[in-house]
Amino acid sequence: MTETIDVEEDKTGLIPMGKKVTTYYEYKPSKIIKIQQERLLYRTEDKKFVCQTVAPRLVERNSRK
């Protein structure tokens, strides 16, 4: 599964430069799901890069010791 995340601000004057890909896996009984998040990368006219940040994720921990 692939999710594309774009910049939330106004993109006027931004030049598309590619994308950054973050891959993570989710486990469900009898299934491993590969998820890729593509964050679009832009360059401003003064040569600074703009990209949406990676959202924090909660990681469940096993309660057994």
C-alpha atoms as a PDB file:
ATOM      1  CA  MET A   1       0.000   0.000   0.000  1.00  0.00           C
ATOM      2  CA  THR A   2       1.380   3.430  -0.921  1.00  0.00           C
ATOM      3  CA  GLU A   3       0.268   6.743   0.598  1.00  0.00           C
ATOM      4  CA  THR A   4       1.239  10.049  -1.009  1.00  0.00           C
ATOM      5  CA  ILE A   5       1.526  13.016   1.364  1.00  0.00           C
ATOM      6  CA  ASP A   6       1.766  16.519  -0.081  1.00  0.00           C
ATOM      7  CA  VAL A   7       2.750  19.839   1.495  1.00  0.00           C
ATOM      8  CA  GLU A   8      -0.176  21.546   3.229  1.00  0.00           C
ATOM      9  CA  GLU A   9       0.963  25.106   2.502  1.00  0.00           C
ATOM     10  CA  ASP A  10       0.548  27.133  -0.684  1.00  0.00           C
ATOM     11  CA  LYS A  11       2.732  25.675  -3.447  1.00  0.00           C
ATOM     12  CA  THR A  12       3.019  28.850  -5.511  1.00  0.00           C
ATOM     13  CA  GLY A  13       6.635  29.273  -6.609  1.00  0.00           C
ATOM     14  CA  LEU A  14       7.693  25.808  -5.425  1.00  0.00           C
ATOM     15  CA  ILE A  15       9.571  23.561  -7.853  1.00  0.00           C
ATOM     16  CA  PRO A  16       8.924  19.779  -7.577  1.00  0.00           C
ATOM     17  CA  MET A  17      12.208  17.959  -6.854  1.00  0.00           C
ATOM     18  CA  GLY A  18      11.127  14.377  -6.185  1.00  0.00           C
ATOM     19  CA  LYS A  19       9.937  12.488  -3.152  1.00  0.00           C
ATOM     20  CA  LYS A  20      11.142  10.959   0.101  1.00  0.00           C
ATOM     21  CA  VAL A  21       9.895   7.461   0.820  1.00  0.00           C
ATOM     22  CA  THR A  22       9.371   6.026   4.308  1.00  0.00           C
ATOM     23  CA  THR A  23       8.648   2.299   4.524  1.00  0.00           C
ATOM     24  CA  TYR A  24       7.206   0.550   7.549  1.00  0.00           C
ATOM     25  CA  TYR A  25       5.486  -2.740   8.245  1.00  0.00           C
ATOM     26  CA  GLU A  26       2.353  -3.576  10.186  1.00  0.00           C
ATOM     27  CA  TYR A  27       1.684  -7.017  11.542  1.00  0.00           C
ATOM     28  CA  LYS A  28      -1.776  -8.532  11.743  1.00  0.00           C
ATOM     29  CA  PRO A  29      -2.302 -12.215  12.556  1.00  0.00           C
ATOM     30  CA  SER A  30      -1.186 -14.268   9.531  1.00  0.00           C
ATOM     31  CA  LYS A  31      -0.366 -11.095   7.580  1.00  0.00           C
ATOM     32  CA  ILE A  32       2.465  -8.592   7.236  1.00  0.00           C
ATOM     33  CA  ILE A  33       1.463  -5.362   5.514  1.00  0.00           C
ATOM     34  CA  LYS A  34       4.110  -3.168   3.861  1.00  0.00           C
ATOM     35  CA  ILE A  35       3.187   0.517   3.852  1.00  0.00           C
ATOM     36  CA  GLN A  36       5.144   3.167   1.951  1.00  0.00           C
ATOM     37  CA  GLN A  37       4.609   6.853   2.562  1.00  0.00           C
ATOM     38  CA  GLU A  38       5.766   9.111  -0.266  1.00  0.00           C
ATOM     39  CA  ARG A  39       6.335  12.691   0.870  1.00  0.00           C
ATOM     40  CA  LEU A  40       6.652  15.075  -2.070  1.00  0.00           C
ATOM     41  CA  LEU A  41       9.774  17.255  -1.980  1.00  0.00           C
ATOM     42  CA  TYR A  42       9.831  20.832  -3.302  1.00  0.00           C
ATOM     43  CA  ARG A  43      12.516  23.523  -3.674  1.00  0.00           C
ATOM     44  CA  THR A  44      11.819  27.193  -3.141  1.00  0.00           C
ATOM     45  CA  GLU A  45      13.252  29.921  -5.349  1.00  0.00           C
ATOM     46  CA  ASP A  46      15.887  30.705  -2.673  1.00  0.00           C
ATOM     47  CA  LYS A  47      17.056  27.046  -2.817  1.00  0.00           C
ATOM     48  CA  LYS A  48      15.513  25.781   0.437  1.00  0.00           C
ATOM     49  CA  PHE A  49      13.780  22.409   0.494  1.00  0.00           C
ATOM     50  CA  VAL A  50      10.208  21.957   1.696  1.00  0.00           C
ATOM     51  CA  CYS A  51       8.781  18.573   2.631  1.00  0.00           C
ATOM     52  CA  GLN A  52       5.977  17.420   4.948  1.00  0.00           C
ATOM     53  CA  THR A  53       7.347  15.908   8.167  1.00  0.00           C
ATOM     54  CA  VAL A  54       6.814  12.279   9.120  1.00  0.00           C
ATOM     55  CA  ALA A  55       3.893  11.891  11.514  1.00  0.00           C
ATOM     56  CA  PRO A  56       4.798  10.245  14.833  1.00  0.00           C
ATOM     57  CA  ARG A  57       3.564   6.687  15.226  1.00  0.00           C
ATOM     58  CA  LEU A  58       2.708   4.787  18.372  1.00  0.00           C
ATOM     59  CA  VAL A  59       4.400   1.443  18.720  1.00  0.00           C
ATOM     60  CA  GLU A  60       2.529  -1.151  20.719  1.00  0.00           C
ATOM     61  CA  ARG A  61       4.647  -3.097  23.165  1.00  0.00           C
ATOM     62  CA  ASN A  62       4.095  -6.602  24.327  1.00  0.00           C
ATOM     63  CA  SER A  63       2.894  -6.645  27.933  1.00  0.00           C
ATOM     64  CA  ARG A  64       4.489 -10.040  28.631  1.00  0.00           C
ATOM     65  CA  LYS A  65       7.912 -10.105  30.266  1.00  0.00           C
END
